[in-house]
Amino acid sequence: MLLQTVRPWWSLIRCRGLPVPTIRQYHGDRVAAVGTQPDTQSHEYMENYERMKSLVDELKERSEKIKLGGGERARNLHISRGKLLPRERIDRLLDPGSPFLEFSQFAAYELYGKEEVPAGGIISGIGRVSGVECVIVANDATVKGGTYYPVTVKKHLRAQEIAHQNHLPCIYLVDSGGANLPRQAEVFPDREHFGRIFFNQARLSSDGIAQIAVVMGSCTAGGAYVPAMADESIIVRKQGTIFLGGPPLVKAATGETVSAEDLGGADLHCRKSGVTDHYALDDSHALHLARKAVRNLNYTKNIQVTSEPPEAPLYSADELSVSV
């Protein structure tokens, strides 16, 4: 499983300050015993190489399509509201030039028939924020309004599990309409269901693992608990909203007409209810505040890992494609 807490033997050597043997030092004169030299000019080799290359190209093409999120119309509507796209938000949150290790990019791929839910409607992974490795969970509002499908819940829970195992702070970039209503019967019925997200938040926080929520759009129904239960919450003015039931539900239940901003906007929650801690002017300001919140955690790593310069492989990496 990804990112288990059991460390490999060479990390134990490194932690004790001992030199880590290279592949050549480890095998010495027995390097030739590691595999055999393929005939790179043979017909079988070339056939396997081309077939694997075509599969890898297809995989990359599908991956790039998933990264786009929802359709062009949904993306344009999202941008017209003054919002950054979810992957742009993650890029701005991370330290410049640092990598992002994404989880489960192909979640929900062809799972719901003709209904496309790229990446399960949520982007999760590990990235470095203010020098600290954090688990980031970002709703993609261009995919069905960021609502939670059954697999979206599983993906969110898995991210929290990895954060717990590795003691990594969590940053939630919230822009979600809550549970996907046509599939809500599948979202709630088992132990690993929607409500467990909030149970996990409470456990992580009690174990000293920071929970930071950035409300950058709708935060409706069950999703409203994410910022409410976070250790620190940030909300974007005239963009982020937090409420269990939106204006249409209020109108239907009480006959009162109220705007989303008056019902659960930044001014209400920062000045009156106290649900949120920080008032952001826009997405960029909110992400700046999130980086500042992580920096103020004074988080220290338990171990220092030293980087070693890479060594050229014994054989060409291109040959791996033929071996699979």
Protein backbone atom coordinates (compact mmCIF):
# COMPACT_ATOMS: atom_id res chain seq x y z
CA MET A 1 0.00 0.00 0.00
CA LEU A 2 1.09 3.56 -0.66
CA LEU A 3 3.29 5.30 1.90
CA GLN A 4 3.29 2.68 4.62
CA THR A 5 5.11 3.60 7.83
CA VAL A 6 7.51 0.62 7.62
CA ARG A 7 10.82 1.98 6.31
CA PRO A 8 13.09 0.08 3.90
CA TRP A 9 16.43 -1.22 5.17
CA TRP A 10 18.46 1.50 3.41
CA SER A 11 16.52 4.26 5.17
CA LEU A 12 17.52 2.73 8.52
CA ILE A 13 21.17 2.82 7.42
CA ARG A 14 20.83 6.47 6.36
CA CYS A 15 19.17 7.45 9.66
CA ARG A 16 22.19 6.03 11.51
CA GLY A 17 24.55 8.14 9.41
CA LEU A 18 26.06 5.15 7.57
CA PRO A 19 26.83 5.26 3.84
CA VAL A 20 24.22 3.61 1.64
CA PRO A 21 25.74 1.08 -0.79
CA THR A 22 25.16 1.70 -4.48
CA ILE A 23 23.84 -1.07 -6.71
CA ARG A 24 27.34 -1.67 -8.06
CA GLN A 25 28.94 -1.73 -4.59
CA TYR A 26 26.24 -4.07 -3.32
CA HIS A 27 26.61 -6.60 -6.12
CA GLY A 28 30.32 -6.07 -6.76
CA ASP A 29 31.57 -8.37 -9.49
CA ARG A 30 28.21 -10.17 -9.59
CA VAL A 31 26.44 -7.34 -11.44
CA ALA A 32 25.98 -9.58 -14.45
CA ALA A 33 23.72 -11.81 -12.34
CA VAL A 34 21.05 -9.07 -12.33
CA GLY A 35 19.02 -10.10 -15.36
CA THR A 36 20.19 -10.82 -18.90
CA GLN A 37 21.04 -8.58 -21.82
CA PRO A 38 18.13 -8.61 -24.33
CA ASP A 39 18.62 -8.60 -28.05
CA THR A 40 17.43 -5.07 -28.79
CA GLN A 41 17.51 -5.68 -32.55
CA SER A 42 15.24 -8.73 -32.57
CA HIS A 43 11.77 -8.65 -34.13
CA GLU A 44 10.15 -9.77 -30.85
CA TYR A 45 11.90 -6.99 -28.91
CA MET A 46 10.80 -4.28 -31.35
CA GLU A 47 7.24 -5.60 -31.44
CA ASN A 48 6.97 -5.62 -27.63
CA TYR A 49 8.56 -2.17 -27.43
CA GLU A 50 6.09 -0.60 -29.87
CA ARG A 51 3.09 -2.24 -28.22
CA MET A 52 4.10 -1.07 -24.75
CA LYS A 53 4.88 2.42 -26.06
CA SER A 54 1.41 2.68 -27.55
CA LEU A 55 -0.16 1.59 -24.24
CA VAL A 56 1.92 4.12 -22.28
CA ASP A 57 0.96 6.89 -24.73
CA GLU A 58 -2.71 5.95 -24.34
CA LEU A 59 -2.36 6.04 -20.55
CA LYS A 60 -0.76 9.50 -20.69
CA GLU A 61 -3.49 10.76 -23.01
CA ARG A 62 -6.22 9.58 -20.65
CA SER A 63 -4.35 11.05 -17.69
CA GLU A 64 -4.16 14.47 -19.38
CA LYS A 65 -7.90 14.34 -20.10
CA ILE A 66 -8.63 13.54 -16.44
CA LYS A 67 -6.51 16.52 -15.36
CA LEU A 68 -8.84 18.84 -17.28
CA GLY A 69 -11.64 17.98 -14.85
CA GLY A 70 -15.18 18.74 -16.02
CA GLY A 71 -16.20 19.80 -19.52
CA GLU A 72 -15.15 23.05 -21.19
CA ARG A 73 -18.45 24.75 -20.34
CA ALA A 74 -18.08 23.88 -16.64
CA ARG A 75 -14.48 25.12 -16.58
CA ASN A 76 -15.36 28.40 -18.29
CA LEU A 77 -18.24 28.98 -15.86
CA HIS A 78 -15.90 28.27 -12.93
CA ILE A 79 -13.31 30.77 -14.22
CA SER A 80 -15.97 33.41 -14.97
CA ARG A 81 -16.80 33.46 -11.25
CA GLY A 82 -13.27 34.61 -10.46
CA LYS A 83 -12.12 31.21 -9.25
CA LEU A 84 -8.90 29.37 -9.95
CA LEU A 85 -9.25 25.84 -11.31
CA PRO A 86 -8.56 23.17 -8.65
CA ARG A 87 -5.17 22.14 -10.03
CA GLU A 88 -4.17 25.81 -10.28
CA ARG A 89 -5.10 26.19 -6.62
CA ILE A 90 -2.85 23.28 -5.69
CA ASP A 91 0.03 24.67 -7.78
CA ARG A 92 -0.19 28.03 -5.99
CA LEU A 93 -0.46 26.40 -2.59
CA LEU A 94 2.70 24.33 -3.04
CA ASP A 95 6.24 25.61 -2.63
CA PRO A 96 7.52 26.79 -6.05
CA GLY A 97 9.13 23.99 -8.01
CA SER A 98 8.17 21.28 -5.51
CA PRO A 99 6.49 18.06 -6.71
CA PHE A 100 2.93 16.88 -6.06
CA LEU A 101 2.39 13.17 -5.49
CA GLU A 102 -1.19 12.61 -6.63
CA PHE A 103 -3.33 9.75 -5.31
CA SER A 104 -5.86 7.73 -7.30
CA GLN A 105 -5.95 9.84 -10.43
CA PHE A 106 -8.01 7.18 -12.24
CA ALA A 107 -10.61 6.89 -9.46
CA ALA A 108 -14.14 6.52 -10.92
CA TYR A 109 -12.74 5.93 -14.41
CA GLU A 110 -15.59 4.33 -16.42
CA LEU A 111 -17.17 3.37 -13.08
CA TYR A 112 -20.52 5.09 -13.58
CA GLY A 113 -21.24 4.16 -17.18
CA LYS A 114 -21.79 7.19 -19.41
CA GLU A 115 -21.53 9.51 -16.40
CA GLU A 116 -17.96 10.85 -16.38
CA VAL A 117 -16.48 11.73 -12.99
CA PRO A 118 -12.81 12.60 -13.67
CA ALA A 119 -10.54 11.68 -10.74
CA GLY A 120 -13.70 10.96 -8.73
CA GLY A 121 -14.44 14.70 -8.54
CA ILE A 122 -11.65 15.27 -6.02
CA ILE A 123 -7.89 15.76 -6.26
CA SER A 124 -5.75 14.42 -3.42
CA GLY A 125 -2.06 13.91 -2.84
CA ILE A 126 1.05 14.96 -0.94
CA GLY A 127 2.81 18.27 -1.57
CA ARG A 128 5.24 20.56 0.21
CA VAL A 129 3.71 23.70 1.71
CA SER A 130 5.97 26.17 3.53
CA GLY A 131 8.58 23.44 3.76
CA VAL A 132 6.15 20.91 5.28
CA GLU A 133 4.84 17.80 3.50
CA CYS A 134 1.04 17.97 3.69
CA VAL A 135 -1.87 15.90 2.44
CA ILE A 136 -4.00 18.08 0.17
CA VAL A 137 -7.64 17.32 -0.67
CA ALA A 138 -9.20 19.63 -3.26
CA ASN A 139 -12.79 19.40 -4.49
CA ASP A 140 -13.23 19.89 -8.23
CA ALA A 141 -16.37 21.98 -8.67
CA THR A 142 -16.16 21.56 -12.46
CA VAL A 143 -17.12 17.90 -11.95
CA LYS A 144 -20.80 17.69 -10.94
CA GLY A 145 -20.45 20.75 -8.72
CA GLY A 146 -17.83 19.01 -6.59
CA THR A 147 -20.46 16.67 -5.14
CA TYR A 148 -19.46 13.43 -3.45
CA TYR A 149 -20.02 10.14 -5.26
CA PRO A 150 -19.40 6.89 -3.36
CA VAL A 151 -15.88 6.64 -4.80
CA THR A 152 -15.22 10.31 -3.92
CA VAL A 153 -15.81 9.42 -0.29
CA LYS A 154 -13.42 6.45 -0.49
CA LYS A 155 -10.74 8.63 -2.05
CA HIS A 156 -11.13 11.33 0.62
CA LEU A 157 -10.95 8.72 3.39
CA ARG A 158 -7.84 7.14 1.88
CA ALA A 159 -6.09 10.53 1.86
CA GLN A 160 -6.92 10.98 5.55
CA GLU A 161 -5.65 7.47 6.29
CA ILE A 162 -2.30 8.25 4.65
CA ALA A 163 -2.12 11.53 6.59
CA HIS A 164 -2.72 9.66 9.85
CA GLN A 165 -0.17 6.94 9.12
CA ASN A 166 2.53 9.45 8.24
CA HIS A 167 1.58 12.29 10.62
CA LEU A 168 1.05 14.81 7.80
CA PRO A 169 -1.06 17.98 8.21
CA CYS A 170 -4.22 18.07 6.05
CA ILE A 171 -5.29 21.00 3.89
CA TYR A 172 -8.82 20.86 2.47
CA LEU A 173 -9.59 23.16 -0.49
CA VAL A 174 -13.37 23.06 -0.20
CA ASP A 175 -15.67 23.78 -3.15
CA SER A 176 -18.44 21.19 -2.93
CA GLY A 177 -22.19 20.83 -3.03
CA GLY A 178 -22.06 17.95 -0.51
CA ALA A 179 -23.32 14.46 -1.26
CA ASN A 180 -24.43 13.66 -4.81
CA LEU A 181 -28.19 13.40 -4.22
CA PRO A 182 -29.04 10.81 -6.93
CA ARG A 183 -26.47 8.49 -5.30
CA GLN A 184 -26.85 9.46 -1.66
CA ALA A 185 -28.18 5.99 -0.79
CA GLU A 186 -24.73 4.64 -1.74
CA VAL A 187 -22.81 7.41 0.01
CA PHE A 188 -24.00 6.76 3.57
CA PRO A 189 -24.74 3.06 4.15
CA ASP A 190 -21.43 1.49 5.21
CA ARG A 191 -18.76 1.99 7.85
CA GLU A 192 -16.42 3.81 5.46
CA HIS A 193 -19.08 6.34 4.49
CA PHE A 194 -19.40 10.12 4.16
CA GLY A 195 -19.74 10.75 7.89
CA ARG A 196 -16.43 9.04 8.60
CA ILE A 197 -14.65 12.00 6.99
CA PHE A 198 -15.61 14.12 10.02
CA PHE A 199 -14.82 11.30 12.46
CA ASN A 200 -11.34 11.14 10.93
CA GLN A 201 -10.95 14.91 11.17
CA ALA A 202 -11.64 14.75 14.90
CA ARG A 203 -9.19 11.87 15.40
CA LEU A 204 -6.45 13.51 13.35
CA SER A 205 -6.83 16.78 15.23
CA SER A 206 -6.77 15.03 18.62
CA ASP A 207 -3.54 13.29 17.58
CA GLY A 208 -1.91 16.65 16.89
CA ILE A 209 -2.23 16.46 13.09
CA ALA A 210 -3.33 19.90 11.90
CA GLN A 211 -6.58 20.24 9.94
CA ILE A 212 -6.77 23.37 7.77
CA ALA A 213 -9.81 24.16 5.60
CA VAL A 214 -9.96 26.77 2.85
CA VAL A 215 -13.55 27.49 1.74
CA MET A 216 -13.26 28.63 -1.88
CA GLY A 217 -16.81 28.01 -3.06
CA SER A 218 -19.91 26.13 -1.97
CA CYS A 219 -19.65 24.27 1.30
CA THR A 220 -23.12 22.81 1.55
CA ALA A 221 -24.86 20.14 3.66
CA GLY A 222 -22.36 17.56 4.98
CA GLY A 223 -19.48 19.49 3.46
CA ALA A 224 -20.15 22.34 5.89
CA TYR A 225 -18.71 20.24 8.71
CA VAL A 226 -15.22 20.23 7.14
CA PRO A 227 -14.38 23.90 7.96
CA ALA A 228 -16.40 23.79 11.17
CA MET A 229 -14.28 20.91 12.50
CA ALA A 230 -10.94 22.17 11.18
CA ASP A 231 -8.30 23.64 13.50
CA GLU A 232 -8.07 26.69 11.24
CA SER A 233 -10.56 27.81 8.59
CA ILE A 234 -10.21 30.35 5.79
CA ILE A 235 -13.10 31.64 3.67
CA VAL A 236 -13.09 33.70 0.47
CA ARG A 237 -15.26 36.84 0.40
CA LYS A 238 -18.28 36.74 -1.96
CA GLN A 239 -17.27 33.27 -3.09
CA GLY A 240 -17.11 30.87 -0.15
CA THR A 241 -20.35 29.89 1.61
CA ILE A 242 -21.03 27.54 4.52
CA PHE A 243 -24.53 26.29 5.31
CA LEU A 244 -26.44 23.04 5.72
CA GLY A 245 -29.28 24.16 3.44
CA GLY A 246 -28.96 26.85 0.79
CA PRO A 247 -31.33 29.71 -0.14
CA PRO A 248 -33.74 27.49 -2.16
CA LEU A 249 -34.24 25.21 0.86
CA VAL A 250 -34.77 28.19 3.17
CA LYS A 251 -37.35 29.57 0.74
CA ALA A 252 -39.18 26.25 0.53
CA ALA A 253 -39.14 25.68 4.30
CA THR A 254 -39.85 29.17 5.64
CA GLY A 255 -40.85 31.32 2.67
CA GLU A 256 -37.97 33.69 3.41
CA THR A 257 -35.82 34.96 0.55
CA VAL A 258 -32.15 35.22 1.45
CA SER A 259 -28.92 35.41 -0.55
CA ALA A 260 -26.18 32.81 -0.23
CA GLU A 261 -23.78 35.49 1.04
CA ASP A 262 -26.17 36.62 3.80
CA LEU A 263 -26.97 33.04 4.74
CA GLY A 264 -23.43 31.72 5.01
CA GLY A 265 -20.83 34.03 3.47
CA ALA A 266 -17.48 35.26 4.72
CA ASP A 267 -18.84 38.31 6.54
CA LEU A 268 -21.33 36.21 8.51
CA HIS A 269 -18.90 33.48 9.54
CA CYS A 270 -15.90 35.72 10.24
CA ARG A 271 -17.77 38.54 12.02
CA LYS A 272 -20.75 36.83 13.68
CA SER A 273 -20.83 33.02 13.88
CA GLY A 274 -17.08 32.52 14.36
CA VAL A 275 -17.04 29.36 12.25
CA THR A 276 -14.10 30.66 10.19
CA ASP A 277 -10.87 32.26 11.40
CA HIS A 278 -9.51 34.09 8.36
CA TYR A 279 -11.15 36.41 5.81
CA ALA A 280 -9.69 36.15 2.29
CA LEU A 281 -10.26 38.58 -0.56
CA ASP A 282 -9.82 36.01 -3.35
CA ASP A 283 -8.38 32.56 -4.09
CA SER A 284 -4.77 33.77 -4.19
CA HIS A 285 -5.13 35.54 -0.84
CA ALA A 286 -6.75 32.45 0.69
CA LEU A 287 -3.89 30.22 -0.46
CA HIS A 288 -1.37 32.71 0.94
CA LEU A 289 -3.16 32.51 4.30
CA ALA A 290 -3.12 28.70 4.13
CA ARG A 291 0.65 28.70 3.54
CA LYS A 292 1.04 31.08 6.47
CA ALA A 293 -1.07 28.79 8.68
CA VAL A 294 1.20 25.83 7.86
CA ARG A 295 4.31 27.92 8.52
CA ASN A 296 2.92 28.88 11.94
CA LEU A 297 2.52 25.21 12.92
CA ASN A 298 6.26 25.15 13.74
CA TYR A 299 6.23 21.60 12.43
CA THR A 300 9.53 19.72 12.80
CA LYS A 301 10.40 16.52 10.99
CA ASN A 302 11.32 13.52 13.13
CA ILE A 303 14.14 12.45 10.82
CA GLN A 304 16.43 14.20 8.40
CA VAL A 305 16.77 12.41 5.07
CA THR A 306 19.84 13.21 3.03
CA SER A 307 19.61 13.14 -0.75
CA GLU A 308 22.19 11.25 -2.78
CA PRO A 309 23.05 12.10 -6.39
CA PRO A 310 21.46 9.60 -8.80
CA GLU A 311 23.57 6.95 -10.50
CA ALA A 312 23.14 5.93 -14.10
CA PRO A 313 21.26 2.59 -14.35
CA LEU A 314 23.10 -0.57 -15.36
CA TYR A 315 20.79 -0.96 -18.35
CA SER A 316 18.78 1.49 -20.42
CA ALA A 317 15.42 2.37 -18.84
CA ASP A 318 13.81 1.94 -22.28
CA GLU A 319 14.31 -1.81 -21.96
CA LEU A 320 11.88 -1.95 -19.02
CA SER A 321 8.95 -1.50 -21.39
CA VAL A 322 9.86 -4.73 -23.16
CA SER A 323 10.22 -6.66 -19.91
CA VAL A 324 6.64 -6.02 -18.78
